[in-house]
Amino acid sequence: MNSLFFVGTGAVALAAALGVLLSRQPVHSALFLMANFASLAVLYVTLDAQFLAAAQVIIYAGGIVILILFVIMLIGHEANDRPDSRRGWIQVVSVLLALLLLVSLGSQLLFRAGAAKGIPSGGTPAHIGEVLFVRYLLPFEFVAILLLVALIGALIMGRKLKAKEQPTQEEQTA
């Protein structure tokens, strides 16, 4: 019965993820994202990681998705129906990357099926902190640096766009 519930919740998470990708309306995509985060929180509870489930609901489903919805509402939420010459190429590459991810996940499930015995301490904050800051400190720091570089890049791109939007001296006199 537990495995049936787990598979059902995983199917809901997968359906919500597909809804995020296939929806033409940004608001609908954000709501599908919230459903995906909520179903992932349920999966965390089934894995005895209650702290991760609470963090998933509070931080992602509660905070991030609401922030995304505010941005969508402020910027505008019309569907993106403009033709793009790169659209076909991007779809082919994304399907190939998705297949690569699916093959790698499937191979990990097949080759390591008997190796995983579950989380020994149940996803407590102490265990998560030990894993992040002791065992995986270097990748954790790399992710922090990557996010910082992305933030700086977004700020620089935003400033250049605002500078281009400013009228030139000739436009002001005309």
Protein backbone atom coordinates (compact mmCIF):
# COMPACT_ATOMS: atom_id res chain seq x y z
CA MET A 1 0.00 0.00 0.00
CA ASN A 2 2.87 2.40 0.78
CA SER A 3 4.53 1.80 -2.56
CA LEU A 4 1.21 2.35 -4.35
CA PHE A 5 0.79 5.70 -2.58
CA PHE A 6 4.40 6.60 -3.43
CA VAL A 7 3.91 5.76 -7.12
CA GLY A 8 0.62 7.71 -7.22
CA THR A 9 2.20 10.77 -5.65
CA GLY A 10 5.14 10.47 -8.04
CA ALA A 11 2.70 10.35 -10.96
CA VAL A 12 1.02 13.53 -9.70
CA ALA A 13 4.44 15.20 -9.42
CA LEU A 14 5.33 14.12 -12.96
CA ALA A 15 1.97 15.31 -14.34
CA ALA A 16 2.40 18.68 -12.63
CA ALA A 17 5.93 18.98 -14.04
CA LEU A 18 4.60 18.27 -17.52
CA GLY A 19 1.91 20.89 -16.91
CA VAL A 20 4.65 23.44 -16.15
CA LEU A 21 6.40 22.66 -19.40
CA LEU A 22 3.40 22.37 -21.70
CA SER A 23 1.18 25.20 -20.45
CA ARG A 24 1.02 28.28 -22.67
CA GLN A 25 -0.18 30.59 -19.89
CA PRO A 26 2.54 31.63 -17.40
CA VAL A 27 0.05 31.79 -14.52
CA HIS A 28 -1.03 28.21 -15.18
CA SER A 29 2.62 27.15 -15.31
CA ALA A 30 3.24 28.77 -11.93
CA LEU A 31 0.23 26.99 -10.43
CA PHE A 32 1.41 23.66 -11.87
CA LEU A 33 4.80 24.42 -10.30
CA MET A 34 3.12 24.89 -6.93
CA ALA A 35 1.33 21.55 -7.34
CA ASN A 36 4.65 19.92 -8.21
CA PHE A 37 6.32 21.35 -5.12
CA ALA A 38 3.44 20.22 -2.91
CA SER A 39 3.57 16.67 -4.29
CA LEU A 40 7.34 16.61 -3.75
CA ALA A 41 6.73 17.60 -0.13
CA VAL A 42 4.38 14.63 0.21
CA LEU A 43 7.11 12.40 -1.23
CA TYR A 44 9.54 13.76 1.36
CA VAL A 45 7.10 12.87 4.13
CA THR A 46 6.85 9.31 2.82
CA LEU A 47 10.65 9.11 2.95
CA ASP A 48 10.67 10.24 6.63
CA ALA A 49 12.22 13.59 5.80
CA GLN A 50 9.73 15.86 7.53
CA PHE A 51 12.10 18.80 7.77
CA LEU A 52 12.68 18.75 4.02
CA ALA A 53 8.93 18.53 3.44
CA ALA A 54 8.28 21.56 5.64
CA ALA A 55 11.09 23.50 3.97
CA GLN A 56 9.71 22.53 0.55
CA VAL A 57 6.27 23.89 1.40
CA ILE A 58 7.43 27.03 3.20
CA ILE A 59 10.28 28.10 0.93
CA TYR A 60 9.31 26.85 -2.51
CA ALA A 61 5.55 26.39 -2.65
CA GLY A 62 4.91 29.30 -0.31
CA GLY A 63 7.61 31.80 -1.16
CA ILE A 64 9.16 31.23 -4.55
CA VAL A 65 5.95 30.45 -6.45
CA ILE A 66 4.18 33.46 -4.93
CA LEU A 67 7.12 35.62 -5.96
CA ILE A 68 6.91 34.21 -9.50
CA LEU A 69 3.18 34.95 -9.59
CA PHE A 70 3.80 38.55 -8.48
CA VAL A 71 6.38 39.00 -11.25
CA ILE A 72 4.01 37.52 -13.83
CA MET A 73 1.22 39.83 -12.71
CA LEU A 74 3.45 42.91 -12.74
CA ILE A 75 5.10 42.25 -16.09
CA GLY A 76 2.09 40.84 -17.90
CA HIS A 77 0.86 37.36 -18.48
CA GLU A 78 -0.07 37.06 -22.12
CA ALA A 79 0.90 33.83 -23.83
CA ASN A 80 4.09 33.72 -25.86
CA ASP A 81 2.83 32.98 -29.36
CA ARG A 82 5.55 34.77 -31.28
CA PRO A 83 7.27 32.61 -33.89
CA ASP A 84 10.88 31.93 -33.09
CA SER A 85 13.35 30.60 -35.63
CA ARG A 86 15.27 28.76 -32.89
CA ARG A 87 12.18 27.08 -31.42
CA GLY A 88 12.57 23.77 -33.29
CA TRP A 89 16.26 23.49 -32.44
CA ILE A 90 15.61 24.21 -28.77
CA GLN A 91 12.87 21.58 -28.61
CA VAL A 92 15.12 18.92 -30.15
CA VAL A 93 17.95 19.67 -27.73
CA SER A 94 15.60 19.70 -24.73
CA VAL A 95 14.11 16.33 -25.71
CA LEU A 96 17.60 14.85 -26.10
CA LEU A 97 18.65 16.19 -22.71
CA ALA A 98 15.46 14.84 -21.11
CA LEU A 99 16.14 11.41 -22.60
CA LEU A 100 19.72 11.53 -21.33
CA LEU A 101 18.43 12.39 -17.85
CA LEU A 102 15.88 9.58 -18.00
CA VAL A 103 18.51 7.03 -19.08
CA SER A 104 20.93 8.11 -16.35
CA LEU A 105 18.22 7.97 -13.67
CA GLY A 106 17.07 4.57 -14.90
CA SER A 107 20.60 3.18 -14.87
CA GLN A 108 21.13 4.45 -11.33
CA LEU A 109 17.89 2.82 -10.22
CA LEU A 110 18.83 -0.50 -11.83
CA PHE A 111 22.42 -0.67 -10.63
CA ARG A 112 21.89 0.67 -7.12
CA ALA A 113 18.49 -0.78 -6.25
CA GLY A 114 19.77 -2.86 -3.33
CA ALA A 115 22.36 -0.36 -2.11
CA ALA A 116 20.04 2.29 -0.65
CA LYS A 117 18.62 1.43 2.76
CA GLY A 118 16.95 4.80 3.40
CA ILE A 119 18.08 7.89 5.22
CA PRO A 120 19.47 6.79 8.58
CA SER A 121 18.59 9.90 10.54
CA GLY A 122 15.40 10.75 8.66
CA GLY A 123 16.28 14.10 7.13
CA THR A 124 16.75 16.00 10.36
CA PRO A 125 18.33 19.47 10.18
CA ALA A 126 21.50 18.18 11.85
CA HIS A 127 21.90 15.39 9.30
CA ILE A 128 21.22 17.71 6.36
CA GLY A 129 23.72 20.26 7.70
CA GLU A 130 26.34 17.57 8.16
CA VAL A 131 25.85 16.26 4.65
CA LEU A 132 25.86 19.73 3.03
CA PHE A 133 28.66 21.34 4.99
CA VAL A 134 30.96 18.37 5.59
CA ARG A 135 30.57 15.77 2.87
CA TYR A 136 29.50 18.06 0.00
CA LEU A 137 31.09 21.37 1.02
CA LEU A 138 32.92 21.99 -2.27
CA PRO A 139 29.88 21.42 -4.55
CA PHE A 140 27.80 23.53 -2.15
CA GLU A 141 30.28 26.39 -2.46
CA PHE A 142 30.38 26.01 -6.26
CA VAL A 143 26.60 26.33 -6.40
CA ALA A 144 26.76 29.45 -4.21
CA ILE A 145 29.36 31.01 -6.53
CA LEU A 146 27.30 30.05 -9.60
CA LEU A 147 24.20 31.72 -8.14
CA LEU A 148 26.21 34.84 -7.30
CA VAL A 149 27.58 35.05 -10.85
CA ALA A 150 24.07 34.57 -12.26
CA LEU A 151 22.75 37.36 -10.03
CA ILE A 152 25.52 39.73 -11.11
CA GLY A 153 24.91 38.83 -14.76
CA ALA A 154 21.19 39.51 -14.41
CA LEU A 155 21.92 42.90 -12.83
CA ILE A 156 24.34 43.83 -15.62
CA MET A 157 21.88 42.74 -18.32
CA GLY A 158 19.09 44.67 -16.63
CA ARG A 159 21.17 47.85 -16.48
CA LYS A 160 22.11 47.59 -20.16
CA LEU A 161 18.46 47.18 -21.11
CA LYS A 162 17.48 50.22 -19.07
CA ALA A 163 20.28 52.24 -20.61
CA LYS A 164 19.02 51.32 -24.10
CA GLU A 165 15.48 52.35 -23.17
CA GLN A 166 16.59 55.87 -22.24
CA PRO A 167 15.94 58.38 -25.04
CA THR A 168 18.98 59.77 -26.78
CA GLN A 169 19.83 63.48 -26.86
CA GLU A 170 18.48 63.77 -30.43
CA GLU A 171 15.16 62.17 -29.48
CA GLN A 172 14.72 64.56 -26.55
CA THR A 173 15.20 67.69 -28.71
CA ALA A 174 12.83 66.45 -31.44
